[in-house]
Amino acid sequence: MLDAIEKIKRYSSSFTSADDFLDAAQAFDASLMNFVILGEMVEKLSDELTDAKNEIDWFKIKGFRNIVAHNYFGIDAEEVWQIIHHSLPKLEIQLKKMV
């Protein structure tokens, strides 16, 4: 999961807005694929880990994976941009604490 987060950060780091990021189709698409990977990885975690009291909303991670995978052409670039800049750093910190 940390690898997927690192790739998303790398792919999006050179852009200054959601519109610029969306216009760079290859970077945007690669980032979305890594969001799918994040959601898929949640499914592979043990129940003990996902049921433990922590700040990670595993349901939202899986839910966003489903949105990306099944509603690809309806993805809001601004929402993805906000997730990358606000939610992803928090998730990365939480995951690193778990490791």
PDB file of N, CA and C in Angstrom:
ATOM      1  N   MET A   1       0.820  -1.186   0.000  1.00  0.00           N
ATOM      2  CA  MET A   1       0.000   0.000   0.000  1.00  0.00           C
ATOM      3  C   MET A   1       0.872   1.263   0.000  1.00  0.00           C
ATOM      4  N   LEU A   2       1.959   1.191   0.758  1.00  0.00           N
ATOM      5  CA  LEU A   2       2.865   2.341   0.786  1.00  0.00           C
ATOM      6  C   LEU A   2       3.511   2.588  -0.577  1.00  0.00           C
ATOM      7  N   ASP A   3       3.780   1.528  -1.310  1.00  0.00           N
ATOM      8  CA  ASP A   3       4.331   1.684  -2.664  1.00  0.00           C
ATOM      9  C   ASP A   3       3.343   2.396  -3.580  1.00  0.00           C
ATOM     10  N   ALA A   4       2.073   2.029  -3.490  1.00  0.00           N
ATOM     11  CA  ALA A   4       1.043   2.662  -4.313  1.00  0.00           C
ATOM     12  C   ALA A   4       0.922   4.146  -3.958  1.00  0.00           C
ATOM     13  N   ILE A   5       0.965   4.450  -2.673  1.00  0.00           N
ATOM     14  CA  ILE A   5       0.899   5.854  -2.244  1.00  0.00           C
ATOM     15  C   ILE A   5       2.094   6.625  -2.778  1.00  0.00           C
ATOM     16  N   GLU A   6       3.263   6.028  -2.677  1.00  0.00           N
ATOM     17  CA  GLU A   6       4.478   6.694  -3.174  1.00  0.00           C
ATOM     18  C   GLU A   6       4.372   6.971  -4.679  1.00  0.00           C
ATOM     19  N   LYS A   7       3.844   6.029  -5.432  1.00  0.00           N
ATOM     20  CA  LYS A   7       3.678   6.240  -6.877  1.00  0.00           C
ATOM     21  C   LYS A   7       2.688   7.359  -7.161  1.00  0.00           C
ATOM     22  N   ILE A   8       1.577   7.378  -6.454  1.00  0.00           N
ATOM     23  CA  ILE A   8       0.589   8.447  -6.655  1.00  0.00           C
ATOM     24  C   ILE A   8       1.234   9.803  -6.374  1.00  0.00           C
ATOM     25  N   LYS A   9       1.971   9.893  -5.279  1.00  0.00           N
ATOM     26  CA  LYS A   9       2.650  11.145  -4.954  1.00  0.00           C
ATOM     27  C   LYS A   9       3.633  11.538  -6.062  1.00  0.00           C
ATOM     28  N   ARG A  10       4.383  10.572  -6.537  1.00  0.00           N
ATOM     29  CA  ARG A  10       5.375  10.849  -7.582  1.00  0.00           C
ATOM     30  C   ARG A  10       4.700  11.293  -8.874  1.00  0.00           C
ATOM     31  N   TYR A  11       3.630  10.581  -9.265  1.00  0.00           N
ATOM     32  CA  TYR A  11       2.947  10.900 -10.520  1.00  0.00           C
ATOM     33  C   TYR A  11       2.259  12.263 -10.485  1.00  0.00           C
ATOM     34  N   SER A  12       1.839  12.698  -9.303  1.00  0.00           N
ATOM     35  CA  SER A  12       1.076  13.945  -9.217  1.00  0.00           C
ATOM     36  C   SER A  12       1.900  15.149  -8.771  1.00  0.00           C
ATOM     37  N   SER A  13       3.125  14.931  -8.367  1.00  0.00           N
ATOM     38  CA  SER A  13       3.918  15.988  -7.713  1.00  0.00           C
ATOM     39  C   SER A  13       4.270  17.182  -8.603  1.00  0.00           C
ATOM     40  N   SER A  14       4.317  17.001  -9.891  1.00  0.00           N
ATOM     41  CA  SER A  14       4.754  18.113 -10.749  1.00  0.00           C
ATOM     42  C   SER A  14       3.602  19.008 -11.207  1.00  0.00           C
ATOM     43  N   PHE A  15       2.405  18.732 -10.723  1.00  0.00           N
ATOM     44  CA  PHE A  15       1.245  19.514 -11.153  1.00  0.00           C
ATOM     45  C   PHE A  15       0.799  20.465 -10.055  1.00  0.00           C
ATOM     46  N   THR A  16       0.225  21.588 -10.472  1.00  0.00           N
ATOM     47  CA  THR A  16      -0.192  22.604  -9.504  1.00  0.00           C
ATOM     48  C   THR A  16      -1.701  22.716  -9.365  1.00  0.00           C
ATOM     49  N   SER A  17      -2.444  21.975 -10.183  1.00  0.00           N
ATOM     50  CA  SER A  17      -3.904  22.022 -10.084  1.00  0.00           C
ATOM     51  C   SER A  17      -4.500  20.709 -10.564  1.00  0.00           C
ATOM     52  N   ALA A  18      -5.733  20.497 -10.190  1.00  0.00           N
ATOM     53  CA  ALA A  18      -6.443  19.293 -10.621  1.00  0.00           C
ATOM     54  C   ALA A  18      -6.602  19.264 -12.133  1.00  0.00           C
ATOM     55  N   ASP A  19      -6.851  20.427 -12.729  1.00  0.00           N
ATOM     56  CA  ASP A  19      -7.026  20.487 -14.187  1.00  0.00           C
ATOM     57  C   ASP A  19      -5.744  20.118 -14.920  1.00  0.00           C
ATOM     58  N   ASP A  20      -4.616  20.625 -14.438  1.00  0.00           N
ATOM     59  CA  ASP A  20      -3.328  20.276 -15.059  1.00  0.00           C
ATOM     60  C   ASP A  20      -3.052  18.780 -14.925  1.00  0.00           C
ATOM     61  N   PHE A  21      -3.364  18.252 -13.760  1.00  0.00           N
ATOM     62  CA  PHE A  21      -3.170  16.824 -13.505  1.00  0.00           C
ATOM     63  C   PHE A  21      -4.054  15.998 -14.437  1.00  0.00           C
ATOM     64  N   LEU A  22      -5.307  16.375 -14.575  1.00  0.00           N
ATOM     65  CA  LEU A  22      -6.232  15.670 -15.464  1.00  0.00           C
ATOM     66  C   LEU A  22      -5.759  15.720 -16.916  1.00  0.00           C
ATOM     67  N   ASP A  23      -5.228  16.860 -17.316  1.00  0.00           N
ATOM     68  CA  ASP A  23      -4.747  17.016 -18.693  1.00  0.00           C
ATOM     69  C   ASP A  23      -3.555  16.118 -18.996  1.00  0.00           C
ATOM     70  N   ALA A  24      -2.812  15.759 -17.983  1.00  0.00           N
ATOM     71  CA  ALA A  24      -1.682  14.838 -18.145  1.00  0.00           C
ATOM     72  C   ALA A  24      -2.228  13.421 -17.980  1.00  0.00           C
ATOM     73  N   ALA A  25      -2.882  12.951 -19.013  1.00  0.00           N
ATOM     74  CA  ALA A  25      -3.656  11.707 -18.943  1.00  0.00           C
ATOM     75  C   ALA A  25      -2.850  10.519 -18.413  1.00  0.00           C
ATOM     76  N   GLN A  26      -1.614  10.390 -18.828  1.00  0.00           N
ATOM     77  CA  GLN A  26      -0.824   9.241 -18.398  1.00  0.00           C
ATOM     78  C   GLN A  26      -0.590   9.260 -16.881  1.00  0.00           C
ATOM     79  N   ALA A  27      -0.232  10.398 -16.339  1.00  0.00           N
ATOM     80  CA  ALA A  27       0.006  10.512 -14.892  1.00  0.00           C
ATOM     81  C   ALA A  27      -1.302  10.337 -14.123  1.00  0.00           C
ATOM     82  N   PHE A  28      -2.376  10.934 -14.635  1.00  0.00           N
ATOM     83  CA  PHE A  28      -3.679  10.828 -13.978  1.00  0.00           C
ATOM     84  C   PHE A  28      -4.153   9.378 -13.980  1.00  0.00           C
ATOM     85  N   ASP A  29      -4.077   8.732 -15.130  1.00  0.00           N
ATOM     86  CA  ASP A  29      -4.511   7.334 -15.238  1.00  0.00           C
ATOM     87  C   ASP A  29      -3.669   6.411 -14.357  1.00  0.00           C
ATOM     88  N   ALA A  30      -2.369   6.636 -14.332  1.00  0.00           N
ATOM     89  CA  ALA A  30      -1.489   5.807 -13.502  1.00  0.00           C
ATOM     90  C   ALA A  30      -1.828   5.986 -12.025  1.00  0.00           C
ATOM     91  N   SER A  31      -2.135   7.198 -11.633  1.00  0.00           N
ATOM     92  CA  SER A  31      -2.512   7.448 -10.243  1.00  0.00           C
ATOM     93  C   SER A  31      -3.816   6.735  -9.906  1.00  0.00           C
ATOM     94  N   LEU A  32      -4.790   6.818 -10.794  1.00  0.00           N
ATOM     95  CA  LEU A  32      -6.062   6.134 -10.549  1.00  0.00           C
ATOM     96  C   LEU A  32      -5.856   4.627 -10.425  1.00  0.00           C
ATOM     97  N   MET A  33      -4.980   4.089 -11.236  1.00  0.00           N
ATOM     98  CA  MET A  33      -4.703   2.656 -11.139  1.00  0.00           C
ATOM     99  C   MET A  33      -4.126   2.314  -9.768  1.00  0.00           C
ATOM    100  N   ASN A  34      -3.322   3.183  -9.232  1.00  0.00           N
ATOM    101  CA  ASN A  34      -2.758   2.929  -7.910  1.00  0.00           C
ATOM    102  C   ASN A  34      -3.787   3.104  -6.801  1.00  0.00           C
ATOM    103  N   PHE A  35      -4.809   3.915  -7.023  1.00  0.00           N
ATOM    104  CA  PHE A  35      -5.927   3.956  -6.075  1.00  0.00           C
ATOM    105  C   PHE A  35      -6.682   2.627  -6.104  1.00  0.00           C
ATOM    106  N   VAL A  36      -6.825   2.054  -7.278  1.00  0.00           N
ATOM    107  CA  VAL A  36      -7.446   0.732  -7.393  1.00  0.00           C
ATOM    108  C   VAL A  36      -6.617  -0.292  -6.619  1.00  0.00           C
ATOM    109  N   ILE A  37      -5.316  -0.238  -6.788  1.00  0.00           N
ATOM    110  CA  ILE A  37      -4.421  -1.157  -6.077  1.00  0.00           C
ATOM    111  C   ILE A  37      -4.573  -0.992  -4.563  1.00  0.00           C
ATOM    112  N   LEU A  38      -4.652   0.248  -4.085  1.00  0.00           N
ATOM    113  CA  LEU A  38      -4.859   0.477  -2.652  1.00  0.00           C
ATOM    114  C   LEU A  38      -6.116  -0.227  -2.163  1.00  0.00           C
ATOM    115  N   GLY A  39      -7.198  -0.075  -2.897  1.00  0.00           N
ATOM    116  CA  GLY A  39      -8.455  -0.718  -2.517  1.00  0.00           C
ATOM    117  C   GLY A  39      -8.369  -2.224  -2.563  1.00  0.00           C
ATOM    118  N   GLU A  40      -7.674  -2.740  -3.545  1.00  0.00           N
ATOM    119  CA  GLU A  40      -7.502  -4.187  -3.659  1.00  0.00           C
ATOM    120  C   GLU A  40      -6.681  -4.728  -2.491  1.00  0.00           C
ATOM    121  N   MET A  41      -5.692  -3.973  -2.069  1.00  0.00           N
ATOM    122  CA  MET A  41      -4.840  -4.409  -0.967  1.00  0.00           C
ATOM    123  C   MET A  41      -5.616  -4.469   0.357  1.00  0.00           C
ATOM    124  N   VAL A  42      -6.586  -3.604   0.522  1.00  0.00           N
ATOM    125  CA  VAL A  42      -7.407  -3.645   1.733  1.00  0.00           C
ATOM    126  C   VAL A  42      -8.090  -5.002   1.850  1.00  0.00           C
ATOM    127  N   GLU A  43      -8.536  -5.530   0.716  1.00  0.00           N
ATOM    128  CA  GLU A  43      -9.198  -6.842   0.710  1.00  0.00           C
ATOM    129  C   GLU A  43      -8.258  -7.952   1.166  1.00  0.00           C
ATOM    130  N   LYS A  44      -6.979  -7.754   1.004  1.00  0.00           N
ATOM    131  CA  LYS A  44      -6.006  -8.786   1.347  1.00  0.00           C
ATOM    132  C   LYS A  44      -5.526  -8.699   2.799  1.00  0.00           C
ATOM    133  N   LEU A  45      -5.902  -7.628   3.488  1.00  0.00           N
ATOM    134  CA  LEU A  45      -5.505  -7.477   4.890  1.00  0.00           C
ATOM    135  C   LEU A  45      -6.339  -8.391   5.775  1.00  0.00           C
ATOM    136  N   SER A  46      -5.763  -8.793   6.883  1.00  0.00           N
ATOM    137  CA  SER A  46      -6.474  -9.667   7.812  1.00  0.00           C
ATOM    138  C   SER A  46      -7.608  -8.898   8.485  1.00  0.00           C
ATOM    139  N   ASP A  47      -8.643  -9.631   8.882  1.00  0.00           N
ATOM    140  CA  ASP A  47      -9.744  -9.024   9.623  1.00  0.00           C
ATOM    141  C   ASP A  47      -9.242  -8.431  10.931  1.00  0.00           C
ATOM    142  N   GLU A  48      -8.279  -9.094  11.533  1.00  0.00           N
ATOM    143  CA  GLU A  48      -7.709  -8.606  12.784  1.00  0.00           C
ATOM    144  C   GLU A  48      -7.135  -7.200  12.600  1.00  0.00           C
ATOM    145  N   LEU A  49      -6.475  -6.988  11.488  1.00  0.00           N
ATOM    146  CA  LEU A  49      -5.861  -5.698  11.219  1.00  0.00           C
ATOM    147  C   LEU A  49      -6.912  -4.638  10.901  1.00  0.00           C
ATOM    148  N   THR A  50      -7.866  -4.968  10.046  1.00  0.00           N
ATOM    149  CA  THR A  50      -8.863  -3.974   9.650  1.00  0.00           C
ATOM    150  C   THR A  50      -9.908  -3.724  10.721  1.00  0.00           C
ATOM    151  N   ASP A  51     -10.096  -4.670  11.632  1.00  0.00           N
ATOM    152  CA  ASP A  51     -11.057  -4.495  12.723  1.00  0.00           C
ATOM    153  C   ASP A  51     -10.449  -3.776  13.921  1.00  0.00           C
ATOM    154  N   ALA A  52      -9.130  -3.686  13.943  1.00  0.00           N
ATOM    155  CA  ALA A  52      -8.441  -3.046  15.063  1.00  0.00           C
ATOM    156  C   ALA A  52      -8.816  -1.565  15.119  1.00  0.00           C
ATOM    157  N   LYS A  53      -8.835  -1.045  16.320  1.00  0.00           N
ATOM    158  CA  LYS A  53      -9.136   0.381  16.469  1.00  0.00           C
ATOM    159  C   LYS A  53      -7.979   1.186  15.907  1.00  0.00           C
ATOM    160  N   ASN A  54      -8.232   1.866  14.841  1.00  0.00           N
ATOM    161  CA  ASN A  54      -7.254   2.786  14.274  1.00  0.00           C
ATOM    162  C   ASN A  54      -8.010   3.863  13.518  1.00  0.00           C
ATOM    163  N   GLU A  55      -7.301   4.807  12.994  1.00  0.00           N
ATOM    164  CA  GLU A  55      -7.923   5.953  12.347  1.00  0.00           C
ATOM    165  C   GLU A  55      -8.177   5.731  10.858  1.00  0.00           C
ATOM    166  N   ILE A  56      -7.853   4.588  10.345  1.00  0.00           N
ATOM    167  CA  ILE A  56      -7.991   4.334   8.912  1.00  0.00           C
ATOM    168  C   ILE A  56      -9.411   3.888   8.601  1.00  0.00           C
ATOM    169  N   ASP A  57     -10.018   4.572   7.645  1.00  0.00           N
ATOM    170  CA  ASP A  57     -11.360   4.204   7.203  1.00  0.00           C
ATOM    171  C   ASP A  57     -11.217   3.273   5.993  1.00  0.00           C
ATOM    172  N   TRP A  58     -11.069   1.988   6.287  1.00  0.00           N
ATOM    173  CA  TRP A  58     -10.859   0.987   5.240  1.00  0.00           C
ATOM    174  C   TRP A  58     -12.027   0.972   4.273  1.00  0.00           C
ATOM    175  N   PHE A  59     -13.231   1.196   4.762  1.00  0.00           N
ATOM    176  CA  PHE A  59     -14.431   1.186   3.922  1.00  0.00           C
ATOM    177  C   PHE A  59     -14.353   2.271   2.844  1.00  0.00           C
ATOM    178  N   LYS A  60     -13.879   3.458   3.211  1.00  0.00           N
ATOM    179  CA  LYS A  60     -13.750   4.546   2.235  1.00  0.00           C
ATOM    180  C   LYS A  60     -12.693   4.220   1.182  1.00  0.00           C
ATOM    181  N   ILE A  61     -11.616   3.584   1.603  1.00  0.00           N
ATOM    182  CA  ILE A  61     -10.556   3.222   0.648  1.00  0.00           C
ATOM    183  C   ILE A  61     -11.110   2.233  -0.376  1.00  0.00           C
ATOM    184  N   LYS A  62     -11.824   1.222   0.102  1.00  0.00           N
ATOM    185  CA  LYS A  62     -12.431   0.245  -0.814  1.00  0.00           C
ATOM    186  C   LYS A  62     -13.505   0.910  -1.671  1.00  0.00           C
ATOM    187  N   GLY A  63     -14.263   1.819  -1.064  1.00  0.00           N
ATOM    188  CA  GLY A  63     -15.314   2.513  -1.804  1.00  0.00           C
ATOM    189  C   GLY A  63     -14.764   3.361  -2.931  1.00  0.00           C
ATOM    190  N   PHE A  64     -13.657   4.062  -2.670  1.00  0.00           N
ATOM    191  CA  PHE A  64     -13.059   4.873  -3.729  1.00  0.00           C
ATOM    192  C   PHE A  64     -12.505   3.983  -4.834  1.00  0.00           C
ATOM    193  N   ARG A  65     -11.961   2.838  -4.452  1.00  0.00           N
ATOM    194  CA  ARG A  65     -11.502   1.872  -5.452  1.00  0.00           C
ATOM    195  C   ARG A  65     -12.653   1.482  -6.372  1.00  0.00           C
ATOM    196  N   ASN A  66     -13.824   1.236  -5.798  1.00  0.00           N
ATOM    197  CA  ASN A  66     -14.982   0.849  -6.591  1.00  0.00           C
ATOM    198  C   ASN A  66     -15.444   1.972  -7.511  1.00  0.00           C
ATOM    199  N   ILE A  67     -15.392   3.190  -7.026  1.00  0.00           N
ATOM    200  CA  ILE A  67     -15.764   4.333  -7.865  1.00  0.00           C
ATOM    201  C   ILE A  67     -14.820   4.435  -9.049  1.00  0.00           C
ATOM    202  N   VAL A  68     -13.528   4.340  -8.783  1.00  0.00           N
ATOM    203  CA  VAL A  68     -12.541   4.446  -9.864  1.00  0.00           C
ATOM    204  C   VAL A  68     -12.711   3.306 -10.864  1.00  0.00           C
ATOM    205  N   ALA A  69     -12.883   2.103 -10.362  1.00  0.00           N
ATOM    206  CA  ALA A  69     -12.953   0.936 -11.241  1.00  0.00           C
ATOM    207  C   ALA A  69     -14.244   0.874 -12.053  1.00  0.00           C
ATOM    208  N   HIS A  70     -15.348   1.343 -11.478  1.00  0.00           N
ATOM    209  CA  HIS A  70     -16.639   1.153 -12.136  1.00  0.00           C
ATOM    210  C   HIS A  70     -17.247   2.424 -12.702  1.00  0.00           C
ATOM    211  N   ASN A  71     -16.692   3.561 -12.369  1.00  0.00           N
ATOM    212  CA  ASN A  71     -17.233   4.828 -12.871  1.00  0.00           C
ATOM    213  C   ASN A  71     -16.097   5.681 -13.402  1.00  0.00           C
ATOM    214  N   TYR A  72     -15.197   5.042 -14.115  1.00  0.00           N
ATOM    215  CA  TYR A  72     -13.955   5.683 -14.531  1.00  0.00           C
ATOM    216  C   TYR A  72     -14.184   7.027 -15.228  1.00  0.00           C
ATOM    217  N   PHE A  73     -15.135   7.085 -16.133  1.00  0.00           N
ATOM    218  CA  PHE A  73     -15.325   8.315 -16.906  1.00  0.00           C
ATOM    219  C   PHE A  73     -16.083   9.380 -16.123  1.00  0.00           C
ATOM    220  N   GLY A  74     -16.564   9.021 -14.945  1.00  0.00           N
ATOM    221  CA  GLY A  74     -17.245   9.993 -14.102  1.00  0.00           C
ATOM    222  C   GLY A  74     -16.399  10.486 -12.951  1.00  0.00           C
ATOM    223  N   ILE A  75     -15.122  10.202 -12.982  1.00  0.00           N
ATOM    224  CA  ILE A  75     -14.219  10.592 -11.903  1.00  0.00           C
ATOM    225  C   ILE A  75     -14.026  12.105 -11.913  1.00  0.00           C
ATOM    226  N   ASP A  76     -14.167  12.710 -10.747  1.00  0.00           N
ATOM    227  CA  ASP A  76     -13.974  14.145 -10.584  1.00  0.00           C
ATOM    228  C   ASP A  76     -12.504  14.410 -10.254  1.00  0.00           C
ATOM    229  N   ALA A  77     -11.816  15.063 -11.159  1.00  0.00           N
ATOM    230  CA  ALA A  77     -10.381  15.318 -10.978  1.00  0.00           C
ATOM    231  C   ALA A  77     -10.115  16.138  -9.722  1.00  0.00           C
ATOM    232  N   GLU A  78     -10.993  17.050  -9.401  1.00  0.00           N
ATOM    233  CA  GLU A  78     -10.801  17.868  -8.193  1.00  0.00           C
ATOM    234  C   GLU A  78     -10.898  17.007  -6.940  1.00  0.00           C
ATOM    235  N   GLU A  79     -11.806  16.041  -6.939  1.00  0.00           N
ATOM    236  CA  GLU A  79     -11.920  15.135  -5.796  1.00  0.00           C
ATOM    237  C   GLU A  79     -10.648  14.296  -5.644  1.00  0.00           C
ATOM    238  N   VAL A  80     -10.143  13.790  -6.760  1.00  0.00           N
ATOM    239  CA  VAL A  80      -8.895  13.016  -6.729  1.00  0.00           C
ATOM    240  C   VAL A  80      -7.763  13.888  -6.212  1.00  0.00           C
ATOM    241  N   TRP A  81      -7.696  15.120  -6.687  1.00  0.00           N
ATOM    242  CA  TRP A  81      -6.659  16.057  -6.265  1.00  0.00           C
ATOM    243  C   TRP A  81      -6.729  16.297  -4.753  1.00  0.00           C
ATOM    244  N   GLN A  82      -7.932  16.487  -4.235  1.00  0.00           N
ATOM    245  CA  GLN A  82      -8.111  16.710  -2.797  1.00  0.00           C
ATOM    246  C   GLN A  82      -7.697  15.476  -1.988  1.00  0.00           C
ATOM    247  N   ILE A  83      -8.054  14.309  -2.476  1.00  0.00           N
ATOM    248  CA  ILE A  83      -7.668  13.069  -1.793  1.00  0.00           C
ATOM    249  C   ILE A  83      -6.148  12.951  -1.748  1.00  0.00           C
ATOM    250  N   ILE A  84      -5.507  13.231  -2.869  1.00  0.00           N
ATOM    251  CA  ILE A  84      -4.041  13.132  -2.940  1.00  0.00           C
ATOM    252  C   ILE A  84      -3.378  14.091  -1.954  1.00  0.00           C
ATOM    253  N   HIS A  85      -3.915  15.285  -1.843  1.00  0.00           N
ATOM    254  CA  HIS A  85      -3.247  16.301  -1.027  1.00  0.00           C
ATOM    255  C   HIS A  85      -3.706  16.357   0.428  1.00  0.00           C
ATOM    256  N   HIS A  86      -4.840  15.764   0.746  1.00  0.00           N
ATOM    257  CA  HIS A  86      -5.338  15.848   2.115  1.00  0.00           C
ATOM    258  C   HIS A  86      -5.461  14.480   2.791  1.00  0.00           C
ATOM    259  N   SER A  87      -5.998  13.512   2.095  1.00  0.00           N
ATOM    260  CA  SER A  87      -6.236  12.201   2.710  1.00  0.00           C
ATOM    261  C   SER A  87      -5.042  11.266   2.597  1.00  0.00           C
ATOM    262  N   LEU A  88      -4.387  11.289   1.451  1.00  0.00           N
ATOM    263  CA  LEU A  88      -3.276  10.363   1.223  1.00  0.00           C
ATOM    264  C   LEU A  88      -2.112  10.555   2.199  1.00  0.00           C
ATOM    265  N   PRO A  89      -1.708  11.791   2.495  1.00  0.00           N
ATOM    266  CA  PRO A  89      -0.614  11.957   3.472  1.00  0.00           C
ATOM    267  C   PRO A  89      -0.980  11.391   4.848  1.00  0.00           C
ATOM    268  N   LYS A  90      -2.221  11.576   5.271  1.00  0.00           N
ATOM    269  CA  LYS A  90      -2.665  11.038   6.559  1.00  0.00           C
ATOM    270  C   LYS A  90      -2.644   9.511   6.534  1.00  0.00           C
ATOM    271  N   LEU A  91      -3.123   8.924   5.430  1.00  0.00           N
ATOM    272  CA  LEU A  91      -3.118   7.470   5.301  1.00  0.00           C
ATOM    273  C   LEU A  91      -1.695   6.940   5.336  1.00  0.00           C
ATOM    274  N   GLU A  92      -0.795   7.622   4.654  1.00  0.00           N
ATOM    275  CA  GLU A  92       0.605   7.182   4.632  1.00  0.00           C
ATOM    276  C   GLU A  92       1.185   7.162   6.058  1.00  0.00           C
ATOM    277  N   ILE A  93       0.922   8.192   6.820  1.00  0.00           N
ATOM    278  CA  ILE A  93       1.419   8.257   8.203  1.00  0.00           C
ATOM    279  C   ILE A  93       0.831   7.126   9.025  1.00  0.00           C
ATOM    280  N   GLN A  94      -0.462   6.892   8.886  1.00  0.00           N
ATOM    281  CA  GLN A  94      -1.135   5.831   9.650  1.00  0.00           C
ATOM    282  C   GLN A  94      -0.592   4.449   9.293  1.00  0.00           C
ATOM    283  N   LEU A  95      -0.372   4.222   8.015  1.00  0.00           N
ATOM    284  CA  LEU A  95       0.165   2.936   7.583  1.00  0.00           C
ATOM    285  C   LEU A  95       1.596   2.728   8.103  1.00  0.00           C
ATOM    286  N   LYS A  96       2.385   3.772   8.074  1.00  0.00           N
ATOM    287  CA  LYS A  96       3.761   3.668   8.562  1.00  0.00           C
ATOM    288  C   LYS A  96       3.787   3.362  10.059  1.00  0.00           C
ATOM    289  N   LYS A  97       2.836   3.889  10.805  1.00  0.00           N
ATOM    290  CA  LYS A  97       2.734   3.572  12.231  1.00  0.00           C
ATOM    291  C   LYS A  97       2.416   2.099  12.440  1.00  0.00           C
ATOM    292  N   MET A  98       1.663   1.518  11.529  1.00  0.00           N
ATOM    293  CA  MET A  98       1.250   0.127  11.653  1.00  0.00           C
ATOM    294  C   MET A  98       2.390  -0.830  11.311  1.00  0.00           C
ATOM    295  N   VAL A  99       3.288  -0.376  10.455  1.00  0.00           N
ATOM    296  CA  VAL A  99       4.370  -1.233   9.987  1.00  0.00           C
ATOM    297  C   VAL A  99       5.438  -1.328  10.976  1.00  0.00           C
TER     298      VAL A  99
END
